[in-house]
C-alpha atoms as a PDB file:
ATOM      1  CA  UNK A   1     -23.278 104.485 366.370  1.00  0.00           C
ATOM      2  CA  UNK A   2     -20.862 106.720 364.367  1.00  0.00           C
ATOM      3  CA  UNK A   3     -18.426 105.555 361.942  1.00  0.00           C
ATOM      4  CA  UNK A   4     -14.639 106.861 361.567  1.00  0.00           C
ATOM      5  CA  UNK A   5     -12.454 105.927 358.709  1.00  0.00           C
ATOM      6  CA  UNK A   6      -9.543 107.327 356.749  1.00  0.00           C
ATOM      7  CA  UNK A   7      -9.319 108.930 353.299  1.00  0.00           C
ATOM      8  CA  UNK A   8      -7.930 105.655 351.725  1.00  0.00           C
ATOM      9  CA  UNK A   9     -11.556 104.402 351.619  1.00  0.00           C
ATOM     10  CA  UNK A  10     -12.237 106.412 348.392  1.00  0.00           C
ATOM     11  CA  UNK A  11     -15.668 107.625 349.578  1.00  0.00           C
ATOM     12  CA  UNK A  12     -17.392 110.222 347.466  1.00  0.00           C
ATOM     13  CA  UNK A  13     -18.206 113.482 349.353  1.00  0.00           C
ATOM     14  CA  UNK A  14     -22.033 112.824 348.983  1.00  0.00           C
ATOM     15  CA  UNK A  15     -21.676 109.540 350.799  1.00  0.00           C
ATOM     16  CA  UNK A  16     -19.657 111.086 353.592  1.00  0.00           C
ATOM     17  CA  UNK A  17     -22.264 113.818 354.143  1.00  0.00           C
ATOM     18  CA  UNK A  18     -25.277 111.594 353.739  1.00  0.00           C
ATOM     19  CA  UNK A  19     -24.150 108.992 356.224  1.00  0.00           C
ATOM     20  CA  UNK A  20     -22.275 111.428 358.493  1.00  0.00           C
ATOM     21  CA  UNK A  21     -19.057 109.483 358.276  1.00  0.00           C
ATOM     22  CA  UNK A  22     -16.020 110.973 360.028  1.00  0.00           C
ATOM     23  CA  UNK A  23     -12.797 111.044 358.020  1.00  0.00           C
ATOM     24  CA  UNK A  24      -9.234 111.113 359.310  1.00  0.00           C
ATOM     25  CA  UNK A  25      -7.377 112.558 356.305  1.00  0.00           C
ATOM     26  CA  UNK A  26      -4.026 111.016 355.151  1.00  0.00           C
ATOM     27  CA  UNK A  27      -1.552 113.551 354.200  1.00  0.00           C
ATOM     28  CA  UNK A  28       0.448 114.295 351.036  1.00  0.00           C
ATOM     29  CA  UNK A  29       3.855 116.092 351.782  1.00  0.00           C
ATOM     30  CA  UNK A  30       4.994 118.222 348.916  1.00  0.00           C
ATOM     31  CA  UNK A  31       8.423 119.895 349.254  1.00  0.00           C
ATOM     32  CA  UNK A  32       6.706 123.277 349.862  1.00  0.00           C
ATOM     33  CA  UNK A  33       3.520 122.228 351.955  1.00  0.00           C
ATOM     34  CA  UNK A  34       1.543 119.377 353.543  1.00  0.00           C
ATOM     35  CA  UNK A  35      -1.871 118.756 351.998  1.00  0.00           C
ATOM     36  CA  UNK A  36      -4.757 116.813 353.465  1.00  0.00           C
ATOM     37  CA  UNK A  37      -5.649 114.203 350.695  1.00  0.00           C
ATOM     38  CA  UNK A  38      -9.244 115.363 350.638  1.00  0.00           C
ATOM     39  CA  UNK A  39      -8.324 118.921 349.962  1.00  0.00           C
ATOM     40  CA  UNK A  40      -6.800 118.327 346.574  1.00  0.00           C
ATOM     41  CA  UNK A  41      -8.590 116.975 343.505  1.00  0.00           C
ATOM     42  CA  UNK A  42      -7.156 114.026 341.486  1.00  0.00           C
ATOM     43  CA  UNK A  43      -6.520 116.126 338.496  1.00  0.00           C
ATOM     44  CA  UNK A  44      -4.755 118.884 340.426  1.00  0.00           C
ATOM     45  CA  UNK A  45      -2.763 116.128 342.243  1.00  0.00           C
ATOM     46  CA  UNK A  46      -1.630 114.464 339.107  1.00  0.00           C
ATOM     47  CA  UNK A  47      -0.709 117.731 337.425  1.00  0.00           C
ATOM     48  CA  UNK A  48       1.645 118.576 340.423  1.00  0.00           C
ATOM     49  CA  UNK A  49       2.979 115.030 340.357  1.00  0.00           C
ATOM     50  CA  UNK A  50       3.930 115.349 336.751  1.00  0.00           C
ATOM     51  CA  UNK A  51       5.550 118.835 337.413  1.00  0.00           C
ATOM     52  CA  UNK A  52       7.754 117.294 340.224  1.00  0.00           C
ATOM     53  CA  UNK A  53       9.409 114.674 337.987  1.00  0.00           C
ATOM     54  CA  UNK A  54      11.703 112.811 338.632  1.00  0.00           C
ATOM     55  CA  UNK A  55      10.795 113.436 342.274  1.00  0.00           C
ATOM     56  CA  UNK A  56       7.487 112.565 344.001  1.00  0.00           C
ATOM     57  CA  UNK A  57       5.907 113.678 347.175  1.00  0.00           C
ATOM     58  CA  UNK A  58       5.689 111.457 350.181  1.00  0.00           C
ATOM     59  CA  UNK A  59       2.645 110.389 352.330  1.00  0.00           C
ATOM     60  CA  UNK A  60       1.981 110.507 356.060  1.00  0.00           C
ATOM     61  CA  UNK A  61      -0.648 109.073 358.446  1.00  0.00           C
ATOM     62  CA  UNK A  62      -2.874 111.192 360.603  1.00  0.00           C
ATOM     63  CA  UNK A  63      -1.339 111.534 364.044  1.00  0.00           C
ATOM     64  CA  UNK A  64      -2.413 109.837 367.316  1.00  0.00           C
ATOM     65  CA  UNK A  65      -3.397 113.240 368.614  1.00  0.00           C
ATOM     66  CA  UNK A  66      -5.627 113.876 365.560  1.00  0.00           C
ATOM     67  CA  UNK A  67      -7.520 110.415 366.079  1.00  0.00           C
ATOM     68  CA  UNK A  68      -7.961 111.232 369.724  1.00  0.00           C
ATOM     69  CA  UNK A  69      -9.413 114.669 368.863  1.00  0.00           C
ATOM     70  CA  UNK A  70     -11.811 112.984 366.307  1.00  0.00           C
ATOM     71  CA  UNK A  71     -12.991 110.359 368.747  1.00  0.00           C
ATOM     72  CA  UNK A  72     -13.494 112.896 371.528  1.00  0.00           C
ATOM     73  CA  UNK A  73     -15.514 115.082 369.150  1.00  0.00           C
ATOM     74  CA  UNK A  74     -17.660 112.186 367.934  1.00  0.00           C
ATOM     75  CA  UNK A  75     -18.199 110.933 371.516  1.00  0.00           C
ATOM     76  CA  UNK A  76     -19.446 114.303 372.651  1.00  0.00           C
ATOM     77  CA  UNK A  77     -22.606 113.556 370.782  1.00  0.00           C
ATOM     78  CA  UNK A  78     -23.110 110.396 372.927  1.00  0.00           C
ATOM     79  CA  UNK A  79     -22.390 108.015 370.257  1.00  0.00           C
ATOM     80  CA  UNK A  80     -20.474 104.718 370.377  1.00  0.00           C
ATOM     81  CA  UNK A  81     -17.672 104.686 367.672  1.00  0.00           C
ATOM     82  CA  UNK A  82     -16.708 102.071 365.074  1.00  0.00           C
ATOM     83  CA  UNK A  83     -13.266 102.986 363.477  1.00  0.00           C
ATOM     84  CA  UNK A  84     -12.738 101.355 360.176  1.00  0.00           C
ATOM     85  CA  UNK A  85      -9.314 101.512 358.540  1.00  0.00           C
ATOM     86  CA  UNK A  86      -7.018 100.715 355.673  1.00  0.00           C
ATOM     87  CA  UNK A  87      -5.124  97.305 356.007  1.00  0.00           C
ATOM     88  CA  UNK A  88      -2.572  97.027 358.731  1.00  0.00           C
ATOM     89  CA  UNK A  89      -0.664  95.129 356.198  1.00  0.00           C
ATOM     90  CA  UNK A  90      -0.231  98.073 353.941  1.00  0.00           C
ATOM     91  CA  UNK A  91      -0.315 101.037 356.391  1.00  0.00           C
ATOM     92  CA  UNK A  92       0.450 101.942 359.891  1.00  0.00           C
ATOM     93  CA  UNK A  93      -2.869 103.954 360.188  1.00  0.00           C
ATOM     94  CA  UNK A  94      -4.858 101.214 362.070  1.00  0.00           C
ATOM     95  CA  UNK A  95      -2.078 101.042 364.717  1.00  0.00           C
ATOM     96  CA  UNK A  96      -1.960 104.835 365.160  1.00  0.00           C
ATOM     97  CA  UNK A  97      -5.768 105.073 365.265  1.00  0.00           C
ATOM     98  CA  UNK A  98      -5.693 102.270 368.000  1.00  0.00           C
ATOM     99  CA  UNK A  99      -3.298 104.289 370.021  1.00  0.00           C
ATOM    100  CA  UNK A 100      -5.478 107.442 369.526  1.00  0.00           C
ATOM    101  CA  UNK A 101      -8.401 105.542 370.735  1.00  0.00           C
ATOM    102  CA  UNK A 102      -6.716 104.557 373.897  1.00  0.00           C
ATOM    103  CA  UNK A 103      -5.403 108.057 374.426  1.00  0.00           C
ATOM    104  CA  UNK A 104      -8.991 109.503 373.983  1.00  0.00           C
ATOM    105  CA  UNK A 105     -10.508 107.147 376.660  1.00  0.00           C
ATOM    106  CA  UNK A 106     -13.619 106.886 374.627  1.00  0.00           C
ATOM    107  CA  UNK A 107     -15.605 103.885 373.566  1.00  0.00           C
ATOM    108  CA  UNK A 108     -14.041 103.032 370.149  1.00  0.00           C
ATOM    109  CA  UNK A 109     -14.203  99.608 368.439  1.00  0.00           C
ATOM    110  CA  UNK A 110     -11.412  99.196 365.897  1.00  0.00           C
ATOM    111  CA  UNK A 111     -11.774  97.358 362.584  1.00  0.00           C
ATOM    112  CA  UNK A 112      -8.851  96.367 360.418  1.00  0.00           C
ATOM    113  CA  UNK A 113     -10.450  96.103 356.875  1.00  0.00           C
ATOM    114  CA  UNK A 114      -7.536  94.032 355.596  1.00  0.00           C
ATOM    115  CA  UNK A 115      -7.952  95.994 352.232  1.00  0.00           C
ATOM    116  CA  UNK A 116      -8.098  99.563 350.848  1.00  0.00           C
ATOM    117  CA  UNK A 117      -9.807 101.839 348.318  1.00  0.00           C
ATOM    118  CA  UNK A 118     -13.006 100.326 347.056  1.00  0.00           C
ATOM    119  CA  UNK A 119     -12.872  97.334 349.297  1.00  0.00           C
ATOM    120  CA  UNK A 120     -12.484  99.600 352.454  1.00  0.00           C
ATOM    121  CA  UNK A 121     -15.310 101.694 351.103  1.00  0.00           C
ATOM    122  CA  UNK A 122     -17.606  98.747 350.896  1.00  0.00           C
ATOM    123  CA  UNK A 123     -17.039  97.958 354.617  1.00  0.00           C
ATOM    124  CA  UNK A 124     -17.502 101.548 355.650  1.00  0.00           C
ATOM    125  CA  UNK A 125     -20.631 101.894 353.732  1.00  0.00           C
ATOM    126  CA  UNK A 126     -22.084  98.716 355.182  1.00  0.00           C
ATOM    127  CA  UNK A 127     -21.192  99.673 358.705  1.00  0.00           C
ATOM    128  CA  UNK A 128     -22.772 103.244 358.215  1.00  0.00           C
ATOM    129  CA  UNK A 129     -25.905 101.880 356.548  1.00  0.00           C
ATOM    130  CA  UNK A 130     -26.437  99.138 359.144  1.00  0.00           C
ATOM    131  CA  UNK A 131     -25.930 101.596 362.003  1.00  0.00           C
ATOM    132  CA  UNK A 132     -28.545 103.810 360.457  1.00  0.00           C
ATOM    133  CA  UNK A 133     -30.892 100.777 360.194  1.00  0.00           C
ATOM    134  CA  UNK A 134     -30.497 100.237 363.837  1.00  0.00           C
ATOM    135  CA  UNK A 135     -28.290  97.096 363.819  1.00  0.00           C
ATOM    136  CA  UNK A 136     -26.206  96.293 366.932  1.00  0.00           C
ATOM    137  CA  UNK A 137     -22.488  96.513 366.970  1.00  0.00           C
ATOM    138  CA  UNK A 138     -22.233  92.756 367.024  1.00  0.00           C
ATOM    139  CA  UNK A 139     -24.438  92.350 363.914  1.00  0.00           C
ATOM    140  CA  UNK A 140     -22.305  94.959 362.154  1.00  0.00           C
ATOM    141  CA  UNK A 141     -18.967  93.411 362.944  1.00  0.00           C
ATOM    142  CA  UNK A 142     -20.369  90.068 361.735  1.00  0.00           C
ATOM    143  CA  UNK A 143     -21.458  91.638 358.443  1.00  0.00           C
ATOM    144  CA  UNK A 144     -18.010  93.263 357.900  1.00  0.00           C
ATOM    145  CA  UNK A 145     -16.469  89.931 358.362  1.00  0.00           C
ATOM    146  CA  UNK A 146     -18.624  88.457 355.572  1.00  0.00           C
ATOM    147  CA  UNK A 147     -17.882  91.491 353.416  1.00  0.00           C
ATOM    148  CA  UNK A 148     -14.179  91.309 353.961  1.00  0.00           C
ATOM    149  CA  UNK A 149     -14.123  87.609 353.013  1.00  0.00           C
ATOM    150  CA  UNK A 150     -16.209  88.183 349.780  1.00  0.00           C
ATOM    151  CA  UNK A 151     -14.543  91.294 348.436  1.00  0.00           C
ATOM    152  CA  UNK A 152     -11.911  91.356 345.756  1.00  0.00           C
ATOM    153  CA  UNK A 153      -9.722  94.251 345.139  1.00  0.00           C
ATOM    154  CA  UNK A 154      -7.495  93.884 341.933  1.00  0.00           C
ATOM    155  CA  UNK A 155      -5.681  96.415 339.753  1.00  0.00           C
ATOM    156  CA  UNK A 156      -3.033  96.924 337.177  1.00  0.00           C
ATOM    157  CA  UNK A 157      -0.441  99.683 336.572  1.00  0.00           C
ATOM    158  CA  UNK A 158       0.670 101.438 333.298  1.00  0.00           C
ATOM    159  CA  UNK A 159       4.165 101.741 334.673  1.00  0.00           C
ATOM    160  CA  UNK A 160       6.214 100.778 337.732  1.00  0.00           C
ATOM    161  CA  UNK A 161       8.043 104.139 337.547  1.00  0.00           C
ATOM    162  CA  UNK A 162       6.234 105.570 340.604  1.00  0.00           C
ATOM    163  CA  UNK A 163       6.599 102.491 342.785  1.00  0.00           C
ATOM    164  CA  UNK A 164      10.396 102.730 342.018  1.00  0.00           C
ATOM    165  CA  UNK A 165      10.556 106.466 342.633  1.00  0.00           C
ATOM    166  CA  UNK A 166       8.768 106.092 345.893  1.00  0.00           C
ATOM    167  CA  UNK A 167      11.241 103.179 346.955  1.00  0.00           C
ATOM    168  CA  UNK A 168       8.615 100.512 346.872  1.00  0.00           C
ATOM    169  CA  UNK A 169      10.445  98.392 344.317  1.00  0.00           C
ATOM    170  CA  UNK A 170      14.048  98.500 343.116  1.00  0.00           C
ATOM    171  CA  UNK A 171      15.465 100.540 340.219  1.00  0.00           C
ATOM    172  CA  UNK A 172      16.489  97.408 338.378  1.00  0.00           C
ATOM    173  CA  UNK A 173      13.120  95.628 338.641  1.00  0.00           C
ATOM    174  CA  UNK A 174      11.401  98.816 337.506  1.00  0.00           C
ATOM    175  CA  UNK A 175      13.911  99.267 334.534  1.00  0.00           C
ATOM    176  CA  UNK A 176      13.513  95.668 333.410  1.00  0.00           C
ATOM    177  CA  UNK A 177       9.663  95.951 333.582  1.00  0.00           C
ATOM    178  CA  UNK A 178       9.841  99.075 331.455  1.00  0.00           C
ATOM    179  CA  UNK A 179      12.018  97.566 328.901  1.00  0.00           C
ATOM    180  CA  UNK A 180       9.870  94.541 328.664  1.00  0.00           C
ATOM    181  CA  UNK A 181       6.704  96.564 328.787  1.00  0.00           C
ATOM    182  CA  UNK A 182       5.352  94.376 331.737  1.00  0.00           C
ATOM    183  CA  UNK A 183       2.043  95.335 333.271  1.00  0.00           C
ATOM    184  CA  UNK A 184       1.593  93.634 336.729  1.00  0.00           C
ATOM    185  CA  UNK A 185      -1.847  92.489 338.013  1.00  0.00           C
ATOM    186  CA  UNK A 186      -1.967  92.955 341.732  1.00  0.00           C
ATOM    187  CA  UNK A 187      -4.700  92.011 344.385  1.00  0.00           C
ATOM    188  CA  UNK A 188      -5.001  92.402 348.116  1.00  0.00           C
ATOM    189  CA  UNK A 189      -4.468  89.115 349.886  1.00  0.00           C
ATOM    190  CA  UNK A 190      -7.270  88.449 352.347  1.00  0.00           C
ATOM    191  CA  UNK A 191      -4.992  86.357 354.522  1.00  0.00           C
ATOM    192  CA  UNK A 192      -2.526  89.170 355.471  1.00  0.00           C
ATOM    193  CA  UNK A 193      -4.047  92.302 353.747  1.00  0.00           C
ATOM    194  CA  UNK A 194      -0.965  92.876 351.644  1.00  0.00           C
ATOM    195  CA  UNK A 195      -0.440  93.083 348.088  1.00  0.00           C
ATOM    196  CA  UNK A 196      -0.017  89.852 345.970  1.00  0.00           C
ATOM    197  CA  UNK A 197       0.829  89.472 342.291  1.00  0.00           C
ATOM    198  CA  UNK A 198      -1.931  87.708 340.371  1.00  0.00           C
ATOM    199  CA  UNK A 199      -0.015  87.789 336.992  1.00  0.00           C
ATOM    200  CA  UNK A 200       2.023  89.924 334.603  1.00  0.00           C
ATOM    201  CA  UNK A 201       1.300  90.693 330.868  1.00  0.00           C
ATOM    202  CA  UNK A 202       2.964  92.519 328.115  1.00  0.00           C
ATOM    203  CA  UNK A 203       0.140  94.963 327.182  1.00  0.00           C
ATOM    204  CA  UNK A 204      -2.412  96.884 329.210  1.00  0.00           C
ATOM    205  CA  UNK A 205      -5.365  95.146 327.226  1.00  0.00           C
ATOM    206  CA  UNK A 206      -4.136  91.640 328.339  1.00  0.00           C
ATOM    207  CA  UNK A 207      -3.876  92.962 331.882  1.00  0.00           C
ATOM    208  CA  UNK A 208      -7.483  94.103 331.778  1.00  0.00           C
ATOM    209  CA  UNK A 209      -8.507  90.661 330.285  1.00  0.00           C
ATOM    210  CA  UNK A 210      -6.619  88.936 333.217  1.00  0.00           C
ATOM    211  CA  UNK A 211      -8.597  91.111 335.800  1.00  0.00           C
ATOM    212  CA  UNK A 212     -11.821  90.207 333.956  1.00  0.00           C
ATOM    213  CA  UNK A 213     -10.956  86.414 333.907  1.00  0.00           C
ATOM    214  CA  UNK A 214      -9.846  86.650 337.613  1.00  0.00           C
ATOM    215  CA  UNK A 215     -13.064  88.015 338.682  1.00  0.00           C
ATOM    216  CA  UNK A 216     -14.974  85.527 336.624  1.00  0.00           C
ATOM    217  CA  UNK A 217     -13.162  82.652 338.257  1.00  0.00           C
ATOM    218  CA  UNK A 218     -14.127  83.832 341.810  1.00  0.00           C
ATOM    219  CA  UNK A 219     -17.833  85.088 341.219  1.00  0.00           C
ATOM    220  CA  UNK A 220     -19.117  83.295 338.132  1.00  0.00           C
ATOM    221  CA  UNK A 221     -22.774  84.286 337.666  1.00  0.00           C
ATOM    222  CA  UNK A 222     -23.305  85.841 341.116  1.00  0.00           C
ATOM    223  CA  UNK A 223     -24.853  89.278 341.070  1.00  0.00           C
ATOM    224  CA  UNK A 224     -22.136  91.863 341.867  1.00  0.00           C
ATOM    225  CA  UNK A 225     -21.612  95.314 343.020  1.00  0.00           C
ATOM    226  CA  UNK A 226     -18.567  96.500 340.900  1.00  0.00           C
ATOM    227  CA  UNK A 227     -16.660  99.639 341.449  1.00  0.00           C
ATOM    228  CA  UNK A 228     -14.047 100.433 338.827  1.00  0.00           C
ATOM    229  CA  UNK A 229     -11.490 102.948 340.114  1.00  0.00           C
ATOM    230  CA  UNK A 230      -8.662 104.819 338.378  1.00  0.00           C
ATOM    231  CA  UNK A 231      -6.044 107.517 338.855  1.00  0.00           C
ATOM    232  CA  UNK A 232      -6.229 109.621 335.640  1.00  0.00           C
ATOM    233  CA  UNK A 233      -7.067 106.675 333.259  1.00  0.00           C
ATOM    234  CA  UNK A 234     -10.601 107.390 332.269  1.00  0.00           C
ATOM    235  CA  UNK A 235     -10.596 105.648 328.948  1.00  0.00           C
ATOM    236  CA  UNK A 236      -9.055 102.464 330.317  1.00  0.00           C
ATOM    237  CA  UNK A 237     -11.543 102.520 333.219  1.00  0.00           C
ATOM    238  CA  UNK A 238     -14.480 102.745 330.839  1.00  0.00           C
ATOM    239  CA  UNK A 239     -12.930  99.796 328.767  1.00  0.00           C
ATOM    240  CA  UNK A 240     -12.507  97.654 331.941  1.00  0.00           C
ATOM    241  CA  UNK A 241     -16.096  98.519 333.038  1.00  0.00           C
ATOM    242  CA  UNK A 242     -17.471  97.375 329.629  1.00  0.00           C
ATOM    243  CA  UNK A 243     -15.342  94.147 329.814  1.00  0.00           C
ATOM    244  CA  UNK A 244     -16.686  93.096 333.266  1.00  0.00           C
ATOM    245  CA  UNK A 245     -20.205  94.052 332.158  1.00  0.00           C
ATOM    246  CA  UNK A 246     -19.833  91.580 329.094  1.00  0.00           C
ATOM    247  CA  UNK A 247     -18.444  88.749 331.238  1.00  0.00           C
ATOM    248  CA  UNK A 248     -19.863  89.199 334.691  1.00  0.00           C
ATOM    249  CA  UNK A 249     -23.368  89.538 336.243  1.00  0.00           C
ATOM    250  CA  UNK A 250     -22.872  93.119 337.257  1.00  0.00           C
ATOM    251  CA  UNK A 251     -26.040  94.364 339.139  1.00  0.00           C
ATOM    252  CA  UNK A 252     -24.504  97.731 340.324  1.00  0.00           C
ATOM    253  CA  UNK A 253     -21.579  99.550 338.558  1.00  0.00           C
ATOM    254  CA  UNK A 254     -19.716 102.707 339.348  1.00  0.00           C
ATOM    255  CA  UNK A 255     -16.673 104.297 337.952  1.00  0.00           C
ATOM    256  CA  UNK A 256     -14.783 106.410 340.599  1.00  0.00           C
ATOM    257  CA  UNK A 257     -11.378 108.142 341.120  1.00  0.00           C
ATOM    258  CA  UNK A 258      -8.734 106.807 343.465  1.00  0.00           C
ATOM    259  CA  UNK A 259      -7.678 109.043 346.373  1.00  0.00           C
ATOM    260  CA  UNK A 260      -4.639 111.093 345.438  1.00  0.00           C
ATOM    261  CA  UNK A 261      -2.850 109.838 348.634  1.00  0.00           C
ATOM    262  CA  UNK A 262      -2.914 106.310 347.009  1.00  0.00           C
ATOM    263  CA  UNK A 263      -1.871 107.679 343.655  1.00  0.00           C
ATOM    264  CA  UNK A 264       1.401 108.973 345.190  1.00  0.00           C
ATOM    265  CA  UNK A 265       2.840 105.481 344.716  1.00  0.00           C
ATOM    266  CA  UNK A 266       1.228 104.432 341.574  1.00  0.00           C
ATOM    267  CA  UNK A 267       0.977 107.384 339.241  1.00  0.00           C
ATOM    268  CA  UNK A 268      -1.983 108.347 337.249  1.00  0.00           C
ATOM    269  CA  UNK A 269      -1.985 105.103 335.158  1.00  0.00           C
ATOM    270  CA  UNK A 270      -3.741 102.846 337.755  1.00  0.00           C
ATOM    271  CA  UNK A 271      -6.980 101.112 337.047  1.00  0.00           C
ATOM    272  CA  UNK A 272      -8.687  98.350 338.868  1.00  0.00           C
ATOM    273  CA  UNK A 273     -11.898  97.014 340.473  1.00  0.00           C
ATOM    274  CA  UNK A 274     -13.375  96.433 343.843  1.00  0.00           C
ATOM    275  CA  UNK A 275     -16.109  93.724 343.506  1.00  0.00           C
ATOM    276  CA  UNK A 276     -18.529  92.350 346.159  1.00  0.00           C
ATOM    277  CA  UNK A 277     -21.547  90.069 345.977  1.00  0.00           C
ATOM    278  CA  UNK A 278     -24.491  92.504 346.013  1.00  0.00           C
ATOM    279  CA  UNK A 279     -26.506  90.087 348.301  1.00  0.00           C
ATOM    280  CA  UNK A 280     -24.462  91.025 351.221  1.00  0.00           C
ATOM    281  CA  UNK A 281     -25.521  94.685 350.852  1.00  0.00           C
ATOM    282  CA  UNK A 282     -28.936  94.338 349.412  1.00  0.00           C
ATOM    283  CA  UNK A 283     -30.914  94.702 352.498  1.00  0.00           C
ATOM    284  CA  UNK A 284     -29.165  98.020 353.255  1.00  0.00           C
ATOM    285  CA  UNK A 285     -29.491  99.773 349.956  1.00  0.00           C
END
């Protein structure tokens, strides 16, 4: 079985290559060119983003034809395909991929992760590792359901400016938040795969503390795989990593960068966590 996903999964290149994961690239549309999200480094992207102010680029999904081509190429190897994608509550990618699967005529099983970024990555890694270990499709799908239910993705933003510039929130709300120095704490709701506000604070330090406390309330002493993710916010990412290690039972810790295609609407000042009970993946690692 082969795995297909999209670049919202925030998979490092070494994992993609080692597990032979097929990536459908999400697209960043600058005024002068269209760039596949995997073809631009986070630092280069944020430098270009800063230079574009007050404008920002737009994003686009892979086309149905692109998905169909990917499925046909993978199927040529005689493999069944599991296609695992960013939440349908946040993007149309899952629907387009589903249409591409029908167009291809290949044997493709679609999975809506109901999440993104590190949470999506956990499901993709689990599927790829389980397939490599010889597990059946039914076993893998049941595992993904358990991982989906147990994963928490939560983050905060330095500013709402980029959400406002991209039309995701109104100018008045963004201005009021800026004046009051409000930092939202946002997670992905497991019920609908959409963003939900966990809280709001006046300082970034308090926002990080809220993330720490939120995760503690969910997991307690359970051994966790914690992935800290950020745009171009390394100092705050390291601070958050230290805070969760202090409060939670962190058995595996990573600090990774968020894909530029997700950073379009958040700007560089995003930092958060994807957390998962390590027991769900322990047999695969």
